[in-house]
Amino acid sequence: MGLPDEDASELDRLPAGAGQQASTLVDEGFKSRLLRALPGCGLLALGLFLYRDLLGWLWWNVSTGRVESHCAAVPLLAVGLYWMRREELEAIPVSSGDRSNGVGLVLAMWACVLELLATAADSLLASGISLILLVHGVALALAGARRVRVLLAPIYFLVFMLPLRYPVEVLLGFPLRLLSTRLSEVWLHLAGAEVMRFVASVYEWPEE
């Protein structure tokens, strides 16, 4: 079956070598997109390598169903917060060449230094803090300060991904236990009970 007359006439009007030129343009466009994507892929691979301990900890919590297993869902919720603000974000022009881009690069470099120190000290909490600072710095360097103001909530929502239970228990657990023990001693004395407190425990006076 031959082409209709109209289509055949259109093909006849195409200059010689037009198909080859179009193919060359497609190849060049693909190569340019690939070259633009290579730095991002390299940075992603570097980030996965630097934060391998933190990511491994998240996966271990999810796979074992521990108390901190919710931490792995926090990045997904942060992406949801970003998606809810995408229209507001698209309405703000990307700023480049201002001071905020340089500040973002400096912040990203300090975050990498903090990650190296966290790895040496085997501190998952410091590693998580450096990851949040790195995301903030990269966003500031690429998008500018005006867009980052819209992204502050999704970025710092990642705080809930950090392993905070053990540091909080260490810092607040025993002081709160002492406070509750002292309050219990006061209330028991007001109620007429003869008790004594020793560190974080309350004992009843032995009967004579």
Protein backbone atom coordinates (compact mmCIF):
# COMPACT_ATOMS: atom_id res chain seq x y z
CA MET A 1 0.00 0.00 0.00
CA GLY A 2 1.46 3.36 -1.00
CA LEU A 3 1.29 6.63 0.91
CA PRO A 4 -1.55 9.04 0.27
CA ASP A 5 -0.81 11.77 -2.22
CA GLU A 6 -0.73 14.49 0.45
CA ASP A 7 1.80 12.59 2.60
CA ALA A 8 3.91 11.74 -0.41
CA SER A 9 3.98 15.38 -1.46
CA GLU A 10 5.04 16.42 2.04
CA LEU A 11 7.90 13.93 1.98
CA ASP A 12 8.98 15.24 -1.40
CA ARG A 13 9.19 18.75 0.02
CA LEU A 14 11.65 17.72 2.78
CA PRO A 15 15.20 18.74 1.98
CA ALA A 16 17.74 16.06 1.30
CA GLY A 17 19.38 14.76 4.48
CA ALA A 18 16.64 16.15 6.78
CA GLY A 19 16.09 12.75 8.40
CA GLN A 20 19.78 12.37 9.12
CA GLN A 21 19.90 15.88 10.62
CA ALA A 22 16.94 15.10 12.87
CA SER A 23 18.61 11.90 14.03
CA THR A 24 21.80 13.81 14.74
CA LEU A 25 19.88 16.41 16.78
CA VAL A 26 18.21 13.67 18.82
CA ASP A 27 21.57 12.03 19.51
CA GLU A 28 23.12 15.34 20.52
CA GLY A 29 20.16 16.14 22.81
CA PHE A 30 20.45 12.76 24.48
CA LYS A 31 24.20 13.20 24.95
CA SER A 32 23.73 16.68 26.46
CA ARG A 33 21.08 15.39 28.89
CA LEU A 34 23.36 12.50 29.79
CA LEU A 35 26.28 14.85 30.44
CA ARG A 36 24.07 17.05 32.63
CA ALA A 37 22.89 14.01 34.58
CA LEU A 38 26.38 12.62 35.23
CA PRO A 39 27.32 15.15 37.97
CA GLY A 40 24.03 14.48 39.74
CA CYS A 41 24.56 10.72 39.55
CA GLY A 42 28.09 11.17 40.86
CA LEU A 43 26.87 13.27 43.78
CA LEU A 44 24.16 10.70 44.52
CA ALA A 45 26.71 7.89 44.55
CA LEU A 46 29.00 9.94 46.81
CA GLY A 47 26.11 10.68 49.18
CA LEU A 48 25.17 6.99 49.36
CA PHE A 49 28.77 6.14 50.17
CA LEU A 50 29.16 8.84 52.83
CA TYR A 51 25.88 8.05 54.57
CA ARG A 52 26.03 4.28 54.21
CA ASP A 53 26.04 3.76 57.99
CA LEU A 54 22.94 5.92 58.51
CA LEU A 55 21.11 4.28 55.61
CA GLY A 56 22.10 0.84 56.90
CA TRP A 57 20.77 1.77 60.34
CA LEU A 58 17.43 2.86 58.81
CA TRP A 59 17.14 -0.37 56.84
CA TRP A 60 18.02 -2.45 59.92
CA ASN A 61 15.28 -0.75 61.95
CA VAL A 62 12.71 -1.35 59.24
CA SER A 63 13.71 -4.98 58.68
CA THR A 64 13.70 -5.83 62.41
CA GLY A 65 10.57 -3.84 63.30
CA ARG A 66 12.20 -1.94 66.15
CA VAL A 67 10.87 1.17 67.90
CA GLU A 68 12.61 3.47 65.43
CA SER A 69 11.18 1.70 62.36
CA HIS A 70 9.09 4.80 61.60
CA CYS A 71 12.30 6.69 60.77
CA ALA A 72 12.47 5.16 57.30
CA ALA A 73 9.03 6.62 56.45
CA VAL A 74 10.08 10.17 57.34
CA PRO A 75 11.89 10.87 54.01
CA LEU A 76 8.77 9.75 52.12
CA LEU A 77 6.64 12.11 54.20
CA ALA A 78 9.14 14.91 53.53
CA VAL A 79 8.77 14.27 49.79
CA GLY A 80 4.99 14.49 50.29
CA LEU A 81 5.40 17.89 51.98
CA TYR A 82 7.49 19.05 49.04
CA TRP A 83 4.85 17.79 46.59
CA MET A 84 2.15 19.75 48.44
CA ARG A 85 4.19 22.95 48.00
CA ARG A 86 5.27 22.38 44.42
CA GLU A 87 2.90 24.99 42.92
CA GLU A 88 4.09 27.66 45.35
CA LEU A 89 7.66 26.62 44.58
CA GLU A 90 7.21 26.81 40.81
CA ALA A 91 5.87 30.36 41.11
CA ILE A 92 9.20 31.52 42.57
CA PRO A 93 11.99 32.10 40.03
CA VAL A 94 15.27 30.28 40.53
CA SER A 95 17.89 32.72 41.73
CA SER A 96 21.46 32.19 40.61
CA GLY A 97 24.61 34.20 41.10
CA ASP A 98 23.60 35.74 44.43
CA ARG A 99 25.21 35.32 47.82
CA SER A 100 22.87 32.51 48.89
CA ASN A 101 24.36 30.14 46.29
CA GLY A 102 27.83 30.55 47.79
CA VAL A 103 26.47 30.17 51.31
CA GLY A 104 24.81 26.93 50.22
CA LEU A 105 28.06 25.54 48.86
CA VAL A 106 29.89 26.40 52.09
CA LEU A 107 27.12 24.78 54.14
CA ALA A 108 27.25 21.64 51.98
CA MET A 109 31.03 21.40 52.43
CA TRP A 110 30.76 21.79 56.20
CA ALA A 111 28.07 19.09 56.21
CA CYS A 112 30.47 16.71 54.43
CA VAL A 113 33.19 17.50 56.97
CA LEU A 114 30.71 16.83 59.79
CA GLU A 115 29.81 13.51 58.19
CA LEU A 116 33.46 12.47 58.07
CA LEU A 117 33.82 13.35 61.76
CA ALA A 118 30.57 11.52 62.57
CA THR A 119 31.83 8.42 60.77
CA ALA A 120 35.11 8.56 62.70
CA ALA A 121 33.21 8.97 65.99
CA ASP A 122 30.59 6.33 65.03
CA SER A 123 27.77 8.80 65.76
CA LEU A 124 24.56 8.20 63.83
CA LEU A 125 22.97 11.31 65.32
CA ALA A 126 25.75 13.58 64.01
CA SER A 127 25.55 11.78 60.67
CA GLY A 128 21.83 12.51 60.43
CA ILE A 129 22.36 16.17 61.32
CA SER A 130 25.01 16.47 58.62
CA LEU A 131 22.62 14.92 56.08
CA ILE A 132 19.96 17.54 56.85
CA LEU A 133 22.53 20.33 56.59
CA LEU A 134 23.75 18.88 53.30
CA VAL A 135 20.22 18.86 51.85
CA HIS A 136 19.74 22.46 53.00
CA GLY A 137 23.07 23.54 51.51
CA VAL A 138 22.52 21.84 48.15
CA ALA A 139 19.01 23.29 47.89
CA LEU A 140 20.33 26.74 48.75
CA ALA A 141 23.12 26.48 46.17
CA LEU A 142 20.84 25.28 43.37
CA ALA A 143 17.57 27.10 44.01
CA GLY A 144 18.42 30.22 46.01
CA ALA A 145 17.15 31.58 49.29
CA ARG A 146 13.58 32.41 48.19
CA ARG A 147 12.81 28.85 47.14
CA VAL A 148 14.54 27.35 50.14
CA ARG A 149 12.20 29.31 52.46
CA VAL A 150 9.37 27.26 50.99
CA LEU A 151 11.38 24.05 51.42
CA LEU A 152 12.35 24.60 55.07
CA ALA A 153 9.46 22.50 56.39
CA PRO A 154 10.20 19.43 54.19
CA ILE A 155 13.94 19.70 54.84
CA TYR A 156 13.80 19.99 58.62
CA PHE A 157 11.00 17.48 58.90
CA LEU A 158 13.87 15.02 58.39
CA VAL A 159 14.81 15.66 62.04
CA PHE A 160 12.26 12.98 62.95
CA MET A 161 14.36 10.50 60.95
CA LEU A 162 17.28 10.85 63.36
CA PRO A 163 18.02 8.27 66.09
CA LEU A 164 16.92 10.51 68.96
CA ARG A 165 15.61 7.93 71.43
CA TYR A 166 18.92 6.94 73.01
CA PRO A 167 20.39 10.49 73.29
CA VAL A 168 17.11 11.73 74.76
CA GLU A 169 17.06 8.87 77.25
CA VAL A 170 20.64 9.60 78.27
CA LEU A 171 20.12 13.35 78.62
CA LEU A 172 16.63 13.43 80.12
CA GLY A 173 15.87 9.96 81.47
CA PHE A 174 17.68 10.05 84.80
CA PRO A 175 17.00 13.76 85.60
CA LEU A 176 13.28 13.21 84.99
CA ARG A 177 13.37 10.11 87.17
CA LEU A 178 14.96 12.14 89.99
CA LEU A 179 12.34 14.85 89.61
CA SER A 180 9.45 12.39 89.75
CA THR A 181 10.98 10.71 92.82
CA ARG A 182 11.30 14.02 94.68
CA LEU A 183 7.72 14.99 93.81
CA SER A 184 6.51 11.58 94.99
CA GLU A 185 8.35 12.03 98.29
CA VAL A 186 6.74 15.46 98.83
CA TRP A 187 3.24 14.19 98.09
CA LEU A 188 3.65 11.16 100.33
CA HIS A 189 4.84 13.37 103.21
CA LEU A 190 1.81 15.61 102.68
CA ALA A 191 -0.39 12.54 102.80
CA GLY A 192 1.08 11.57 106.16
CA ALA A 193 3.23 8.69 104.99
CA GLU A 194 6.65 8.20 106.54
CA VAL A 195 8.97 7.63 103.60
CA MET A 196 12.57 8.26 102.75
CA ARG A 197 14.18 8.86 99.38
CA PHE A 198 17.47 7.39 98.28
CA VAL A 199 18.67 8.72 94.89
CA ALA A 200 15.80 7.78 92.56
CA SER A 201 13.90 5.41 94.85
CA VAL A 202 11.39 6.00 97.64
CA TYR A 203 11.27 3.67 100.67
CA GLU A 204 8.80 3.37 103.51
CA TRP A 205 10.19 3.84 107.00
CA PRO A 206 10.31 0.50 108.80
CA GLU A 207 7.79 0.11 111.57
CA GLU A 208 9.22 0.14 115.09
